[in-house]
Amino acid sequence: MKRNIVTNAVVAIVFALALVSLVPSAHGQQCSLALAAGKYGFTDSGTVVGIGPRAADALLTLDSAGNIGGPVTASLNGSVTHSTLSGTYTVNRDCTGTASFSEVDQSGNAITATVDFVWVDNMREILFIFTSATLANGTPLGTVINGNARKLIP
């Protein structure tokens, strides 16, 4: 009886170890620019320190060459603007990445920013946080802004 318990325990442990070794290959997909490419619906919200709350949405296209761009509608402290975003992005094999971009509104006012990304849900969704924002004159802005984006499936 004790031998059966020990044998069953060893078999269970070996089976569990085999399953654990398969998890990275089943769930640890390697992300790439090619897999990230597509159209996304973006939204973000938070605060520009010293100015006020910000909320935005956008329809952005990420291409397989690492370019990002599209129209943005944003509200900053209650003032709504329409702008165009353009920039570049990176994707790491572990599904993290960064983007550096500028937003130029219809009046020609520009802001540059960077964000850190993480892709989730088999690269169908991006979670991101702003890591910097700078006015055209070089004035840095403090931000507490995060958001997400969902890949549009044709």
Protein backbone atom coordinates (compact mmCIF):
# COMPACT_ATOMS: atom_id res chain seq x y z
CA MET A 1 0.00 0.00 0.00
CA LYS A 2 2.78 2.44 0.95
CA ARG A 3 4.57 1.56 -2.28
CA ASN A 4 1.44 2.45 -4.32
CA ILE A 5 1.13 5.80 -2.54
CA VAL A 6 4.80 6.60 -3.18
CA THR A 7 4.54 5.47 -6.83
CA ASN A 8 1.37 7.51 -7.36
CA ALA A 9 2.99 10.54 -5.73
CA VAL A 10 6.08 10.25 -7.95
CA VAL A 11 3.92 9.87 -11.06
CA ALA A 12 1.84 12.91 -10.02
CA ILE A 13 4.98 15.00 -9.44
CA VAL A 14 6.49 13.99 -12.79
CA PHE A 15 3.17 14.77 -14.53
CA ALA A 16 2.94 18.16 -12.78
CA LEU A 17 6.52 19.01 -13.76
CA ALA A 18 5.79 18.03 -17.36
CA LEU A 19 2.73 20.31 -17.40
CA VAL A 20 4.67 23.20 -15.88
CA SER A 21 7.37 22.83 -18.52
CA LEU A 22 4.72 23.11 -21.24
CA VAL A 23 3.16 26.32 -19.87
CA PRO A 24 5.80 28.71 -21.23
CA SER A 25 5.49 27.32 -24.74
CA ALA A 26 1.70 27.38 -24.65
CA HIS A 27 1.25 30.80 -23.03
CA GLY A 28 4.63 32.47 -23.47
CA GLN A 29 4.13 33.50 -27.06
CA GLN A 30 6.83 35.64 -28.53
CA CYS A 31 5.53 39.02 -29.59
CA SER A 32 6.73 40.92 -32.66
CA LEU A 33 6.04 44.00 -34.78
CA ALA A 34 4.36 41.75 -37.34
CA LEU A 35 1.94 40.34 -34.75
CA ALA A 36 1.27 43.79 -33.27
CA ALA A 37 0.42 45.38 -36.63
CA GLY A 38 -3.20 46.44 -37.10
CA LYS A 39 -5.81 49.05 -36.17
CA TYR A 40 -6.56 49.69 -32.51
CA GLY A 41 -9.17 51.63 -30.60
CA PHE A 42 -7.25 53.50 -27.86
CA THR A 43 -8.44 55.24 -24.74
CA ASP A 44 -6.53 56.90 -21.93
CA SER A 45 -7.27 58.99 -18.88
CA GLY A 46 -5.45 60.59 -16.02
CA THR A 47 -3.93 63.89 -15.02
CA VAL A 48 -1.40 66.31 -16.43
CA VAL A 49 0.14 67.58 -13.22
CA GLY A 50 -0.51 71.27 -12.64
CA ILE A 51 -2.96 71.51 -15.58
CA GLY A 52 -5.80 69.08 -14.93
CA PRO A 53 -7.52 65.90 -16.01
CA ARG A 54 -7.03 64.38 -19.45
CA ALA A 55 -9.12 61.84 -21.31
CA ALA A 56 -8.65 60.76 -24.91
CA ASP A 57 -9.63 58.24 -27.50
CA ALA A 58 -8.03 57.41 -30.82
CA LEU A 59 -8.13 55.09 -33.80
CA LEU A 60 -4.47 54.28 -34.34
CA THR A 61 -2.72 52.09 -36.85
CA LEU A 62 0.44 50.20 -35.92
CA ASP A 63 2.36 48.87 -38.92
CA SER A 64 4.86 46.03 -39.10
CA ALA A 65 7.72 48.51 -39.65
CA GLY A 66 7.21 50.06 -36.19
CA ASN A 67 5.21 53.16 -37.14
CA ILE A 68 2.13 54.34 -35.26
CA GLY A 69 -0.36 57.01 -36.26
CA GLY A 70 -3.94 58.20 -36.49
CA PRO A 71 -6.54 60.68 -35.27
CA VAL A 72 -6.96 61.53 -31.57
CA THR A 73 -9.75 63.35 -29.73
CA ALA A 74 -8.64 64.57 -26.31
CA SER A 75 -9.99 66.64 -23.46
CA LEU A 76 -7.46 68.42 -21.26
CA ASN A 77 -8.95 70.21 -18.28
CA GLY A 78 -12.24 70.46 -20.16
CA SER A 79 -10.86 71.77 -23.47
CA VAL A 80 -11.48 69.33 -26.33
CA THR A 81 -9.05 69.12 -29.26
CA HIS A 82 -8.65 66.99 -32.36
CA SER A 83 -5.11 66.04 -33.25
CA THR A 84 -3.04 63.68 -35.33
CA LEU A 85 -0.61 61.30 -33.66
CA SER A 86 2.50 60.00 -35.44
CA GLY A 87 5.55 58.19 -34.16
CA THR A 88 7.29 54.88 -33.74
CA TYR A 89 6.92 51.89 -31.44
CA THR A 90 8.90 48.83 -30.43
CA VAL A 91 7.87 45.31 -29.41
CA ASN A 92 10.00 43.02 -27.28
CA ARG A 93 9.75 39.23 -27.41
CA ASP A 94 8.21 39.26 -23.89
CA CYS A 95 5.27 41.37 -25.18
CA THR A 96 6.46 44.64 -23.64
CA GLY A 97 7.32 47.69 -25.69
CA THR A 98 7.56 51.44 -25.95
CA ALA A 99 6.30 54.20 -28.19
CA SER A 100 7.57 57.69 -28.89
CA PHE A 101 5.20 60.02 -30.69
CA SER A 102 3.97 63.53 -31.28
CA GLU A 103 0.41 64.83 -31.29
CA VAL A 104 -0.26 67.94 -33.36
CA ASP A 105 -3.66 69.64 -33.04
CA GLN A 106 -5.52 71.64 -35.69
CA SER A 107 -3.90 74.88 -34.46
CA GLY A 108 -0.40 73.44 -34.90
CA ASN A 109 0.25 72.99 -31.19
CA ALA A 110 2.42 69.95 -30.59
CA ILE A 111 3.30 67.70 -27.71
CA THR A 112 5.73 64.79 -27.73
CA ALA A 113 5.34 61.82 -25.42
CA THR A 114 6.56 58.35 -24.63
CA VAL A 115 4.66 55.38 -23.25
CA ASP A 116 5.50 51.90 -22.00
CA PHE A 117 3.31 49.06 -23.33
CA VAL A 118 2.44 45.52 -22.45
CA TRP A 119 0.42 43.37 -24.85
CA VAL A 120 -2.09 40.92 -23.36
CA ASP A 121 -4.82 38.57 -24.63
CA ASN A 122 -2.71 37.10 -27.45
CA MET A 123 -1.69 40.58 -28.61
CA ARG A 124 -5.28 41.76 -28.97
CA GLU A 125 -5.02 44.34 -26.19
CA ILE A 126 -2.38 46.86 -25.10
CA LEU A 127 -2.05 48.29 -21.60
CA PHE A 128 0.08 51.41 -21.42
CA ILE A 129 1.29 54.24 -19.20
CA PHE A 130 2.73 57.60 -20.20
CA THR A 131 6.38 57.88 -19.15
CA SER A 132 7.00 61.42 -20.43
CA ALA A 133 5.31 64.35 -22.14
CA THR A 134 6.93 67.54 -23.42
CA LEU A 135 5.54 70.72 -24.94
CA ALA A 136 6.96 71.96 -28.28
CA ASN A 137 9.01 74.60 -26.42
CA GLY A 138 10.76 71.85 -24.42
CA THR A 139 8.79 72.26 -21.20
CA PRO A 140 8.36 68.83 -19.57
CA LEU A 141 4.94 67.91 -18.21
CA GLY A 142 4.29 65.61 -15.29
CA THR A 143 1.73 62.96 -16.19
CA VAL A 144 -0.28 60.34 -14.38
CA ILE A 145 -1.99 58.83 -17.42
CA ASN A 146 -2.65 55.24 -18.35
CA GLY A 147 -4.90 53.51 -20.81
CA ASN A 148 -5.61 50.55 -23.00
CA ALA A 149 -6.14 49.72 -26.63
CA ARG A 150 -8.08 46.95 -28.28
CA LYS A 151 -7.17 45.52 -31.68
CA LEU A 152 -9.98 45.87 -34.19
CA ILE A 153 -10.76 42.60 -35.91
CA PRO A 154 -11.90 43.05 -39.53
